Amino acid sequence: MYDSSLKYKWDNKNVIDYARQEGMEQGMIKGIEKGKREEAIAIAKEMKKDCLPLAQISKFTKLSAEEIEKL
């Protein structure tokens, strides 16, 4: 009885630890993607300020022309 209770606790802890780790990894990936997008927007704003063509800005930042026009 004690062994099965202990095994249940360990299994439960492992499930929680795994879910927490997965959540942290997904959060980090989303954070990195958000940072890259913010950097691309900042670069696009500077390029737009220098009057570079939208096609060139889009090529270097990977943002769409519509996104760049809204900046």
PDB file of N, CA and C in Angstrom:
ATOM      1  N   MET A   1       0.818  -1.185   0.000  1.00  0.00           N
ATOM      2  CA  MET A   1       0.000   0.000   0.000  1.00  0.00           C
ATOM      3  C   MET A   1       0.869   1.259   0.000  1.00  0.00           C
ATOM      4  N   TYR A   2       1.875   1.259   0.883  1.00  0.00           N
ATOM      5  CA  TYR A   2       2.765   2.409   0.969  1.00  0.00           C
ATOM      6  C   TYR A   2       3.526   2.619  -0.331  1.00  0.00           C
ATOM      7  N   ASP A   3       4.024   1.520  -0.920  1.00  0.00           N
ATOM      8  CA  ASP A   3       4.790   1.612  -2.162  1.00  0.00           C
ATOM      9  C   ASP A   3       3.951   2.182  -3.299  1.00  0.00           C
ATOM     10  N   SER A   4       2.718   1.760  -3.412  1.00  0.00           N
ATOM     11  CA  SER A   4       1.871   2.271  -4.494  1.00  0.00           C
ATOM     12  C   SER A   4       1.546   3.744  -4.276  1.00  0.00           C
ATOM     13  N   SER A   5       1.385   4.145  -3.025  1.00  0.00           N
ATOM     14  CA  SER A   5       1.127   5.556  -2.718  1.00  0.00           C
ATOM     15  C   SER A   5       2.350   6.401  -3.069  1.00  0.00           C
ATOM     16  N   LEU A   6       3.516   5.896  -2.727  1.00  0.00           N
ATOM     17  CA  LEU A   6       4.761   6.600  -3.026  1.00  0.00           C
ATOM     18  C   LEU A   6       4.978   6.692  -4.533  1.00  0.00           C
ATOM     19  N   LYS A   7       4.724   5.600  -5.241  1.00  0.00           N
ATOM     20  CA  LYS A   7       4.858   5.602  -6.700  1.00  0.00           C
ATOM     21  C   LYS A   7       3.900   6.622  -7.318  1.00  0.00           C
ATOM     22  N   TYR A   8       2.690   6.695  -6.817  1.00  0.00           N
ATOM     23  CA  TYR A   8       1.703   7.661  -7.318  1.00  0.00           C
ATOM     24  C   TYR A   8       2.217   9.092  -7.126  1.00  0.00           C
ATOM     25  N   LYS A   9       2.794   9.376  -5.956  1.00  0.00           N
ATOM     26  CA  LYS A   9       3.330  10.715  -5.688  1.00  0.00           C
ATOM     27  C   LYS A   9       4.471  11.039  -6.651  1.00  0.00           C
ATOM     28  N   TRP A  10       5.367  10.089  -6.876  1.00  0.00           N
ATOM     29  CA  TRP A  10       6.489  10.308  -7.786  1.00  0.00           C
ATOM     30  C   TRP A  10       6.006  10.537  -9.214  1.00  0.00           C
ATOM     31  N   ASP A  11       5.056   9.712  -9.638  1.00  0.00           N
ATOM     32  CA  ASP A  11       4.502   9.867 -10.985  1.00  0.00           C
ATOM     33  C   ASP A  11       3.849  11.235 -11.141  1.00  0.00           C
ATOM     34  N   ASN A  12       3.090  11.630 -10.144  1.00  0.00           N
ATOM     35  CA  ASN A  12       2.414  12.920 -10.185  1.00  0.00           C
ATOM     36  C   ASN A  12       3.430  14.060 -10.243  1.00  0.00           C
ATOM     37  N   LYS A  13       4.479  13.967  -9.431  1.00  0.00           N
ATOM     38  CA  LYS A  13       5.526  14.992  -9.430  1.00  0.00           C
ATOM     39  C   LYS A  13       6.216  15.053 -10.788  1.00  0.00           C
ATOM     40  N   ASN A  14       6.504  13.898 -11.377  1.00  0.00           N
ATOM     41  CA  ASN A  14       7.153  13.866 -12.685  1.00  0.00           C
ATOM     42  C   ASN A  14       6.286  14.512 -13.761  1.00  0.00           C
ATOM     43  N   VAL A  15       4.993  14.263 -13.712  1.00  0.00           N
ATOM     44  CA  VAL A  15       4.075  14.872 -14.685  1.00  0.00           C
ATOM     45  C   VAL A  15       4.084  16.386 -14.533  1.00  0.00           C
ATOM     46  N   ILE A  16       4.025  16.860 -13.308  1.00  0.00           N
ATOM     47  CA  ILE A  16       4.021  18.305 -13.057  1.00  0.00           C
ATOM     48  C   ILE A  16       5.346  18.923 -13.492  1.00  0.00           C
ATOM     49  N   ASP A  17       6.460  18.291 -13.146  1.00  0.00           N
ATOM     50  CA  ASP A  17       7.774  18.804 -13.540  1.00  0.00           C
ATOM     51  C   ASP A  17       7.914  18.868 -15.055  1.00  0.00           C
ATOM     52  N   TYR A  18       7.441  17.833 -15.739  1.00  0.00           N
ATOM     53  CA  TYR A  18       7.517  17.799 -17.202  1.00  0.00           C
ATOM     54  C   TYR A  18       6.676  18.927 -17.805  1.00  0.00           C
ATOM     55  N   ALA A  19       5.470  19.112 -17.300  1.00  0.00           N
ATOM     56  CA  ALA A  19       4.591  20.166 -17.819  1.00  0.00           C
ATOM     57  C   ALA A  19       5.204  21.541 -17.576  1.00  0.00           C
ATOM     58  N   ARG A  20       5.795  21.729 -16.417  1.00  0.00           N
ATOM     59  CA  ARG A  20       6.439  23.005 -16.098  1.00  0.00           C
ATOM     60  C   ARG A  20       7.601  23.268 -17.059  1.00  0.00           C
ATOM     61  N   GLN A  21       8.414  22.257 -17.303  1.00  0.00           N
ATOM     62  CA  GLN A  21       9.560  22.401 -18.210  1.00  0.00           C
ATOM     63  C   GLN A  21       9.095  22.725 -19.626  1.00  0.00           C
ATOM     64  N   GLU A  22       8.064  22.028 -20.097  1.00  0.00           N
ATOM     65  CA  GLU A  22       7.519  22.285 -21.441  1.00  0.00           C
ATOM     66  C   GLU A  22       7.003  23.716 -21.535  1.00  0.00           C
ATOM     67  N   GLY A  23       6.318  24.168 -20.506  1.00  0.00           N
ATOM     68  CA  GLY A  23       5.791  25.529 -20.486  1.00  0.00           C
ATOM     69  C   GLY A  23       6.902  26.563 -20.527  1.00  0.00           C
ATOM     70  N   MET A  24       7.959  26.317 -19.782  1.00  0.00           N
ATOM     71  CA  MET A  24       9.091  27.243 -19.779  1.00  0.00           C
ATOM     72  C   MET A  24       9.745  27.297 -21.153  1.00  0.00           C
ATOM     73  N   GLU A  25       9.925  26.152 -21.781  1.00  0.00           N
ATOM     74  CA  GLU A  25      10.546  26.113 -23.105  1.00  0.00           C
ATOM     75  C   GLU A  25       9.694  26.849 -24.131  1.00  0.00           C
ATOM     76  N   GLN A  26       8.389  26.627 -24.087  1.00  0.00           N
ATOM     77  CA  GLN A  26       7.497  27.313 -25.025  1.00  0.00           C
ATOM     78  C   GLN A  26       7.511  28.814 -24.776  1.00  0.00           C
ATOM     79  N   GLY A  27       7.548  29.210 -23.521  1.00  0.00           N
ATOM     80  CA  GLY A  27       7.609  30.628 -23.183  1.00  0.00           C
ATOM     81  C   GLY A  27       8.885  31.277 -23.686  1.00  0.00           C
ATOM     82  N   MET A  28       9.993  30.575 -23.560  1.00  0.00           N
ATOM     83  CA  MET A  28      11.264  31.116 -24.041  1.00  0.00           C
ATOM     84  C   MET A  28      11.252  31.255 -25.556  1.00  0.00           C
ATOM     85  N   ILE A  29      10.709  30.274 -26.246  1.00  0.00           N
ATOM     86  CA  ILE A  29      10.637  30.331 -27.707  1.00  0.00           C
ATOM     87  C   ILE A  29       9.795  31.523 -28.141  1.00  0.00           C
ATOM     88  N   LYS A  30       8.642  31.708 -27.497  1.00  0.00           N
ATOM     89  CA  LYS A  30       7.778  32.841 -27.836  1.00  0.00           C
ATOM     90  C   LYS A  30       8.477  34.161 -27.539  1.00  0.00           C
ATOM     91  N   GLY A  31       9.213  34.221 -26.435  1.00  0.00           N
ATOM     92  CA  GLY A  31       9.938  35.438 -26.081  1.00  0.00           C
ATOM     93  C   GLY A  31      11.012  35.777 -27.102  1.00  0.00           C
ATOM     94  N   ILE A  32      11.716  34.771 -27.563  1.00  0.00           N
ATOM     95  CA  ILE A  32      12.754  34.987 -28.575  1.00  0.00           C
ATOM     96  C   ILE A  32      12.128  35.464 -29.877  1.00  0.00           C
ATOM     97  N   GLU A  33      11.027  34.839 -30.275  1.00  0.00           N
ATOM     98  CA  GLU A  33      10.339  35.252 -31.506  1.00  0.00           C
ATOM     99  C   GLU A  33       9.846  36.692 -31.397  1.00  0.00           C
ATOM    100  N   LYS A  34       9.304  37.049 -30.242  1.00  0.00           N
ATOM    101  CA  LYS A  34       8.817  38.416 -30.035  1.00  0.00           C
ATOM    102  C   LYS A  34       9.977  39.403 -30.120  1.00  0.00           C
ATOM    103  N   GLY A  35      11.109  39.052 -29.522  1.00  0.00           N
ATOM    104  CA  GLY A  35      12.286  39.913 -29.570  1.00  0.00           C
ATOM    105  C   GLY A  35      12.793  40.110 -30.989  1.00  0.00           C
ATOM    106  N   LYS A  36      12.804  39.045 -31.777  1.00  0.00           N
ATOM    107  CA  LYS A  36      13.243  39.155 -33.169  1.00  0.00           C
ATOM    108  C   LYS A  36      12.312  40.061 -33.960  1.00  0.00           C
ATOM    109  N   ARG A  37      11.012  39.923 -33.710  1.00  0.00           N
ATOM    110  CA  ARG A  37      10.032  40.759 -34.419  1.00  0.00           C
ATOM    111  C   ARG A  37      10.201  42.222 -34.031  1.00  0.00           C
ATOM    112  N   GLU A  38      10.379  42.490 -32.747  1.00  0.00           N
ATOM    113  CA  GLU A  38      10.574  43.865 -32.294  1.00  0.00           C
ATOM    114  C   GLU A  38      11.833  44.467 -32.913  1.00  0.00           C
ATOM    115  N   GLU A  39      12.882  43.662 -33.031  1.00  0.00           N
ATOM    116  CA  GLU A  39      14.119  44.132 -33.648  1.00  0.00           C
ATOM    117  C   GLU A  39      13.900  44.435 -35.128  1.00  0.00           C
ATOM    118  N   ALA A  40      13.168  43.566 -35.826  1.00  0.00           N
ATOM    119  CA  ALA A  40      12.880  43.786 -37.244  1.00  0.00           C
ATOM    120  C   ALA A  40      12.074  45.068 -37.430  1.00  0.00           C
ATOM    121  N   ILE A  41      11.130  45.320 -36.539  1.00  0.00           N
ATOM    122  CA  ILE A  41      10.322  46.538 -36.626  1.00  0.00           C
ATOM    123  C   ILE A  41      11.188  47.769 -36.395  1.00  0.00           C
ATOM    124  N   ALA A  42      12.083  47.707 -35.419  1.00  0.00           N
ATOM    125  CA  ALA A  42      12.977  48.837 -35.148  1.00  0.00           C
ATOM    126  C   ALA A  42      13.877  49.115 -36.350  1.00  0.00           C
ATOM    127  N   ILE A  43      14.394  48.071 -36.955  1.00  0.00           N
ATOM    128  CA  ILE A  43      15.248  48.230 -38.140  1.00  0.00           C
ATOM    129  C   ILE A  43      14.440  48.817 -39.288  1.00  0.00           C
ATOM    130  N   ALA A  44      13.226  48.314 -39.481  1.00  0.00           N
ATOM    131  CA  ALA A  44      12.370  48.813 -40.558  1.00  0.00           C
ATOM    132  C   ALA A  44      12.055  50.292 -40.370  1.00  0.00           C
ATOM    133  N   LYS A  45      11.813  50.709 -39.141  1.00  0.00           N
ATOM    134  CA  LYS A  45      11.531  52.125 -38.869  1.00  0.00           C
ATOM    135  C   LYS A  45      12.716  52.997 -39.256  1.00  0.00           C
ATOM    136  N   GLU A  46      13.910  52.545 -38.904  1.00  0.00           N
ATOM    137  CA  GLU A  46      15.115  53.306 -39.257  1.00  0.00           C
ATOM    138  C   GLU A  46      15.310  53.351 -40.771  1.00  0.00           C
ATOM    139  N   MET A  47      15.099  52.231 -41.438  1.00  0.00           N
ATOM    140  CA  MET A  47      15.256  52.190 -42.893  1.00  0.00           C
ATOM    141  C   MET A  47      14.212  53.071 -43.570  1.00  0.00           C
ATOM    142  N   LYS A  48      13.003  53.053 -43.031  1.00  0.00           N
ATOM    143  CA  LYS A  48      11.926  53.878 -43.588  1.00  0.00           C
ATOM    144  C   LYS A  48      12.246  55.359 -43.381  1.00  0.00           C
ATOM    145  N   LYS A  49      12.819  55.675 -42.223  1.00  0.00           N
ATOM    146  CA  LYS A  49      13.220  57.049 -41.925  1.00  0.00           C
ATOM    147  C   LYS A  49      14.270  57.531 -42.931  1.00  0.00           C
ATOM    148  N   ASP A  50      15.114  56.618 -43.398  1.00  0.00           N
ATOM    149  CA  ASP A  50      16.148  56.941 -44.392  1.00  0.00           C
ATOM    150  C   ASP A  50      15.613  56.885 -45.818  1.00  0.00           C
ATOM    151  N   CYS A  51      14.288  56.730 -45.959  1.00  0.00           N
ATOM    152  CA  CYS A  51      13.599  56.738 -47.262  1.00  0.00           C
ATOM    153  C   CYS A  51      14.021  55.595 -48.183  1.00  0.00           C
ATOM    154  N   LEU A  52      14.327  54.451 -47.626  1.00  0.00           N
ATOM    155  CA  LEU A  52      14.649  53.294 -48.458  1.00  0.00           C
ATOM    156  C   LEU A  52      13.353  52.699 -49.002  1.00  0.00           C
ATOM    157  N   PRO A  53      13.405  52.079 -50.182  1.00  0.00           N
ATOM    158  CA  PRO A  53      12.196  51.496 -50.782  1.00  0.00           C
ATOM    159  C   PRO A  53      11.613  50.367 -49.921  1.00  0.00           C
ATOM    160  N   LEU A  54      10.287  50.258 -49.948  1.00  0.00           N
ATOM    161  CA  LEU A  54       9.606  49.227 -49.162  1.00  0.00           C
ATOM    162  C   LEU A  54      10.103  47.827 -49.504  1.00  0.00           C
ATOM    163  N   ALA A  55      10.350  47.574 -50.779  1.00  0.00           N
ATOM    164  CA  ALA A  55      10.812  46.247 -51.201  1.00  0.00           C
ATOM    165  C   ALA A  55      12.142  45.899 -50.539  1.00  0.00           C
ATOM    166  N   GLN A  56      13.018  46.871 -50.437  1.00  0.00           N
ATOM    167  CA  GLN A  56      14.323  46.630 -49.823  1.00  0.00           C
ATOM    168  C   GLN A  56      14.175  46.419 -48.304  1.00  0.00           C
ATOM    169  N   ILE A  57      13.340  47.226 -47.679  1.00  0.00           N
ATOM    170  CA  ILE A  57      13.100  47.072 -46.242  1.00  0.00           C
ATOM    171  C   ILE A  57      12.515  45.689 -45.964  1.00  0.00           C
ATOM    172  N   SER A  58      11.565  45.290 -46.775  1.00  0.00           N
ATOM    173  CA  SER A  58      10.922  43.989 -46.619  1.00  0.00           C
ATOM    174  C   SER A  58      11.929  42.856 -46.795  1.00  0.00           C
ATOM    175  N   LYS A  59      12.808  43.004 -47.751  1.00  0.00           N
ATOM    176  CA  LYS A  59      13.816  41.974 -48.020  1.00  0.00           C
ATOM    177  C   LYS A  59      14.725  41.763 -46.810  1.00  0.00           C
ATOM    178  N   PHE A  60      15.137  42.841 -46.178  1.00  0.00           N
ATOM    179  CA  PHE A  60      16.081  42.732 -45.069  1.00  0.00           C
ATOM    180  C   PHE A  60      15.428  42.401 -43.731  1.00  0.00           C
ATOM    181  N   THR A  61      14.178  42.812 -43.548  1.00  0.00           N
ATOM    182  CA  THR A  61      13.524  42.598 -42.251  1.00  0.00           C
ATOM    183  C   THR A  61      12.557  41.426 -42.247  1.00  0.00           C
ATOM    184  N   LYS A  62      12.207  40.929 -43.426  1.00  0.00           N
ATOM    185  CA  LYS A  62      11.224  39.842 -43.578  1.00  0.00           C
ATOM    186  C   LYS A  62       9.821  40.267 -43.139  1.00  0.00           C
ATOM    187  N   LEU A  63       9.577  41.577 -43.058  1.00  0.00           N
ATOM    188  CA  LEU A  63       8.241  42.097 -42.781  1.00  0.00           C
ATOM    189  C   LEU A  63       7.540  42.330 -44.106  1.00  0.00           C
ATOM    190  N   SER A  64       6.226  42.247 -44.098  1.00  0.00           N
ATOM    191  CA  SER A  64       5.479  42.495 -45.332  1.00  0.00           C
ATOM    192  C   SER A  64       5.430  43.995 -45.612  1.00  0.00           C
ATOM    193  N   ALA A  65       5.179  44.341 -46.862  1.00  0.00           N
ATOM    194  CA  ALA A  65       5.079  45.750 -47.246  1.00  0.00           C
ATOM    195  C   ALA A  65       3.955  46.429 -46.468  1.00  0.00           C
ATOM    196  N   GLU A  66       2.860  45.705 -46.231  1.00  0.00           N
ATOM    197  CA  GLU A  66       1.735  46.265 -45.479  1.00  0.00           C
ATOM    198  C   GLU A  66       2.145  46.595 -44.045  1.00  0.00           C
ATOM    199  N   GLU A  67       2.915  45.705 -43.437  1.00  0.00           N
ATOM    200  CA  GLU A  67       3.376  45.953 -42.067  1.00  0.00           C
ATOM    201  C   GLU A  67       4.288  47.175 -42.024  1.00  0.00           C
ATOM    202  N   ILE A  68       5.137  47.297 -43.020  1.00  0.00           N
ATOM    203  CA  ILE A  68       6.084  48.408 -43.060  1.00  0.00           C
ATOM    204  C   ILE A  68       5.355  49.724 -43.279  1.00  0.00           C
ATOM    205  N   GLU A  69       4.355  49.728 -44.142  1.00  0.00           N
ATOM    206  CA  GLU A  69       3.594  50.949 -44.398  1.00  0.00           C
ATOM    207  C   GLU A  69       2.904  51.456 -43.137  1.00  0.00           C
ATOM    208  N   LYS A  70       2.501  50.553 -42.257  1.00  0.00           N
ATOM    209  CA  LYS A  70       1.801  50.941 -41.025  1.00  0.00           C
ATOM    210  C   LYS A  70       2.727  51.563 -39.982  1.00  0.00           C
ATOM    211  N   LEU A  71       4.020  51.414 -40.171  1.00  0.00           N
ATOM    212  CA  LEU A  71       4.972  51.940 -39.177  1.00  0.00           C
ATOM    213  C   LEU A  71       5.069  53.451 -39.244  1.00  0.00           C
TER     214      LEU A  71
END
